Protein backbone atom coordinates (compact mmCIF):
# COMPACT_ATOMS: atom_id res chain seq x y z
CA UNK A 1 89.39 -22.54 5.79
CA UNK A 2 87.02 -24.50 8.05
CA UNK A 3 88.41 -25.36 11.44
CA UNK A 4 88.05 -28.75 13.07
CA UNK A 5 85.39 -27.56 15.54
CA UNK A 6 83.07 -26.39 12.78
CA UNK A 7 83.62 -29.65 10.91
CA UNK A 8 82.50 -31.58 13.97
CA UNK A 9 79.23 -29.65 14.02
CA UNK A 10 78.43 -30.47 10.40
CA UNK A 11 75.84 -33.30 9.95
CA UNK A 12 77.04 -36.54 8.50
CA UNK A 13 75.26 -37.09 5.16
CA UNK A 14 75.90 -40.83 4.98
CA UNK A 15 73.41 -41.98 7.66
CA UNK A 16 70.71 -39.78 6.14
CA UNK A 17 71.17 -41.42 2.74
CA UNK A 18 71.08 -44.89 4.28
CA UNK A 19 67.84 -44.14 6.15
CA UNK A 20 66.22 -42.87 2.95
CA UNK A 21 67.19 -46.05 1.13
CA UNK A 22 65.84 -48.22 3.93
CA UNK A 23 62.50 -46.36 3.95
CA UNK A 24 62.10 -46.68 0.19
CA UNK A 25 62.88 -50.39 0.29
CA UNK A 26 60.36 -50.93 3.10
CA UNK A 27 57.71 -49.08 1.10
CA UNK A 28 58.26 -50.97 -2.17
CA UNK A 29 58.81 -54.45 -0.75
CA UNK A 30 56.28 -54.64 2.05
CA UNK A 31 55.37 -58.35 2.36
CA UNK A 32 51.76 -59.47 2.31
CA UNK A 33 52.39 -61.57 5.43
CA UNK A 34 52.84 -58.36 7.46
CA UNK A 35 49.12 -57.66 6.97
CA UNK A 36 47.92 -61.00 8.33
CA UNK A 37 46.96 -61.88 11.88
CA UNK A 38 49.14 -64.95 12.31
CA UNK A 39 52.01 -66.50 10.36
CA UNK A 40 53.88 -69.77 10.54
CA UNK A 41 57.58 -70.37 10.10
CA UNK A 42 56.98 -71.99 6.70
CA UNK A 43 55.47 -68.80 5.29
CA UNK A 44 51.81 -69.83 5.50
CA UNK A 45 49.37 -67.18 6.71
CA UNK A 46 46.03 -67.55 8.45
CA UNK A 47 42.80 -65.89 7.44
CA UNK A 48 41.46 -62.87 9.30
CA UNK A 49 40.05 -63.63 12.75
CA UNK A 50 36.97 -61.60 11.84
CA UNK A 51 35.96 -64.27 9.31
CA UNK A 52 34.90 -67.02 11.78
CA UNK A 53 33.06 -64.38 13.83
CA UNK A 54 31.02 -63.38 10.78
CA UNK A 55 30.36 -67.01 9.83
CA UNK A 56 29.30 -67.84 13.39
CA UNK A 57 26.83 -64.96 13.49
CA UNK A 58 25.30 -66.07 10.20
CA UNK A 59 25.03 -69.65 11.45
CA UNK A 60 23.36 -68.49 14.66
CA UNK A 61 20.64 -66.79 12.62
CA UNK A 62 20.24 -69.92 10.47
CA UNK A 63 20.08 -72.09 13.61
CA UNK A 64 17.30 -69.97 15.09
CA UNK A 65 15.33 -70.31 11.85
CA UNK A 66 15.94 -74.07 11.88
CA UNK A 67 14.72 -74.47 15.45
CA UNK A 68 11.65 -72.36 14.70
CA UNK A 69 10.94 -74.53 11.67
CA UNK A 70 11.15 -77.67 13.81
CA UNK A 71 8.62 -76.23 16.27
CA UNK A 72 6.21 -75.36 13.46
CA UNK A 73 6.65 -78.77 11.80
CA UNK A 74 5.97 -80.58 15.07
CA UNK A 75 2.81 -78.56 15.66
CA UNK A 76 1.57 -79.27 12.11
CA UNK A 77 2.30 -82.99 12.48
CA UNK A 78 0.40 -83.23 15.76
CA UNK A 79 -2.65 -81.56 14.21
CA UNK A 80 -2.57 -83.40 10.90
CA UNK A 81 -2.00 -86.94 12.17
CA UNK A 82 -3.80 -86.68 15.51
CA UNK A 83 -0.80 -88.00 17.40
CA UNK A 84 -1.08 -89.09 20.98
CA UNK A 85 0.85 -87.19 23.62
CA UNK A 86 3.55 -89.88 23.81
CA UNK A 87 4.03 -90.05 20.04
CA UNK A 88 4.00 -86.26 19.83
CA UNK A 89 6.69 -85.98 22.52
CA UNK A 90 8.86 -88.60 20.80
CA UNK A 91 8.55 -86.95 17.38
CA UNK A 92 8.95 -83.45 18.73
CA UNK A 93 11.83 -84.38 21.07
CA UNK A 94 13.73 -86.27 18.38
CA UNK A 95 13.42 -83.51 15.80
CA UNK A 96 14.27 -80.82 18.33
CA UNK A 97 17.33 -82.73 19.63
CA UNK A 98 18.55 -83.25 16.07
CA UNK A 99 18.08 -79.55 15.30
CA UNK A 100 19.98 -78.56 18.46
CA UNK A 101 22.93 -80.80 17.57
CA UNK A 102 23.06 -79.39 14.04
CA UNK A 103 22.83 -75.85 15.41
CA UNK A 104 25.73 -76.40 17.81
CA UNK A 105 27.87 -77.82 15.02
CA UNK A 106 27.02 -74.88 12.77
CA UNK A 107 28.05 -72.40 15.47
CA UNK A 108 31.27 -74.21 16.42
CA UNK A 109 32.38 -75.21 12.91
CA UNK A 110 33.63 -71.79 11.63
CA UNK A 111 36.30 -71.60 14.34
CA UNK A 112 37.43 -75.17 13.60
CA UNK A 113 37.58 -74.55 9.86
CA UNK A 114 39.48 -71.30 10.45
CA UNK A 115 42.30 -73.14 12.22
CA UNK A 116 42.73 -75.46 9.23
CA UNK A 117 42.83 -72.89 6.41
CA UNK A 118 46.19 -71.41 5.41
CA UNK A 119 47.67 -69.62 2.40
CA UNK A 120 51.00 -68.31 1.21
CA UNK A 121 52.41 -66.43 -1.77
CA UNK A 122 55.99 -67.06 -2.87
CA UNK A 123 58.02 -66.93 -6.07
CA UNK A 124 56.21 -70.01 -7.41
CA UNK A 125 52.64 -68.82 -6.92
CA UNK A 126 49.67 -68.91 -4.55
CA UNK A 127 49.18 -71.99 -2.40
CA UNK A 128 46.03 -72.65 -0.36
CA UNK A 129 45.60 -75.43 2.19
CA UNK A 130 42.22 -76.15 3.74
CA UNK A 131 40.21 -79.01 5.16
CA UNK A 132 39.58 -80.47 8.61
CA UNK A 133 39.12 -84.15 7.81
CA UNK A 134 39.82 -84.19 4.08
CA UNK A 135 42.83 -82.03 3.28
CA UNK A 136 42.69 -79.98 0.09
CA UNK A 137 45.74 -78.26 -1.36
CA UNK A 138 45.50 -75.80 -4.27
CA UNK A 139 48.55 -74.40 -6.06
CA UNK A 140 48.15 -71.55 -8.55
CA UNK A 141 51.35 -70.92 -10.54
CA UNK A 142 52.06 -67.26 -11.27
CA UNK A 143 52.46 -68.03 -14.98
CA UNK A 144 48.80 -69.17 -15.14
CA UNK A 145 47.30 -66.14 -13.39
CA UNK A 146 45.16 -64.20 -15.87
CA UNK A 147 42.99 -62.03 -13.67
CA UNK A 148 42.30 -61.43 -9.98
CA UNK A 149 39.30 -59.77 -8.32
CA UNK A 150 38.50 -58.67 -4.79
CA UNK A 151 34.84 -58.96 -3.83
CA UNK A 152 33.23 -57.46 -0.72
CA UNK A 153 29.61 -57.96 0.26
CA UNK A 154 27.69 -55.81 2.74
CA UNK A 155 28.37 -58.15 5.69
CA UNK A 156 32.03 -58.45 4.72
CA UNK A 157 32.27 -54.68 4.46
CA UNK A 158 30.95 -54.36 8.00
CA UNK A 159 33.73 -56.65 9.26
CA UNK A 160 36.38 -55.23 6.86
CA UNK A 161 36.72 -58.55 5.05
CA UNK A 162 37.17 -59.37 1.39
CA UNK A 163 37.20 -62.38 -0.95
CA UNK A 164 39.98 -62.90 -3.48
CA UNK A 165 39.09 -64.68 -6.73
CA UNK A 166 41.95 -65.71 -9.03
CA UNK A 167 41.16 -66.67 -12.63
CA UNK A 168 43.74 -68.90 -14.26
CA UNK A 169 44.43 -70.47 -17.64
CA UNK A 170 43.23 -74.05 -18.03
CA UNK A 171 40.12 -76.02 -17.17
CA UNK A 172 41.03 -77.42 -13.74
CA UNK A 173 40.81 -74.87 -10.93
CA UNK A 174 40.15 -72.15 -13.52
CA UNK A 175 38.73 -69.97 -10.75
CA UNK A 176 40.18 -70.15 -7.24
CA UNK A 177 38.51 -68.27 -4.37
CA UNK A 178 40.11 -67.37 -1.06
CA UNK A 179 37.41 -66.22 1.36
CA UNK A 180 38.08 -64.73 4.78
CA UNK A 181 40.96 -62.34 4.14
CA UNK A 182 40.94 -58.85 5.53
CA UNK A 183 40.06 -56.41 2.76
CA UNK A 184 43.47 -54.75 2.99
CA UNK A 185 45.28 -58.08 2.66
CA UNK A 186 43.04 -59.17 -0.23
CA UNK A 187 43.81 -56.00 -2.20
CA UNK A 188 47.54 -56.26 -1.51
CA UNK A 189 47.56 -59.95 -2.45
CA UNK A 190 45.67 -59.23 -5.68
CA UNK A 191 48.15 -56.51 -6.65
CA UNK A 192 51.14 -58.74 -5.94
CA UNK A 193 49.64 -61.62 -7.94
CA UNK A 194 49.05 -59.37 -10.94
CA UNK A 195 52.46 -57.70 -10.63
CA UNK A 196 54.41 -60.94 -10.20
CA UNK A 197 52.31 -62.67 -12.87
CA UNK A 198 53.17 -59.99 -15.42
CA UNK A 199 56.85 -60.31 -14.53
CA UNK A 200 56.70 -64.07 -14.94
CA UNK A 201 54.93 -63.75 -18.31
CA UNK A 202 57.58 -61.33 -19.52
CA UNK A 203 60.36 -63.65 -18.45
């Protein structure tokens, strides 16, 4: 016979079972939104914050090339057309000012575009909203998903980014690309799209 004192020392098996169930559920049902940098109350998720940084760096390089091209073009024009100093300054100053404005917009634009690009995945499918002035909304039903790929270029690999491409049935929006996700989120989103799409096809 086991006395009451020894029974008190025995571990309770019920909490252990509950903790194991909770851990398994958290492993199998981990939401994609948990991998994103910022979420909204309506379920929409923002792209990775590394994406505008990468785009800005690329645009800075392009801007430097553009400004160098303007300097070379102005020098060629002054030699070819024998411009006076006043005309040369006007042509050179106008082209250079235009190039500077375009360069500033190219550097600032990625951060602006990042704030206006959102996505979410629910039981209906993948929804993407983007656009600063002209809003563009794309809805990909799970029943139309045929294939999904994750692409990662050398610059994206350096910043741990990835691009998700979803191929769907039909002619309109047959291929939908979501650029700027973290690579981990892109892979998880691809797996969930394929898994939920197969379930929807079976049903």
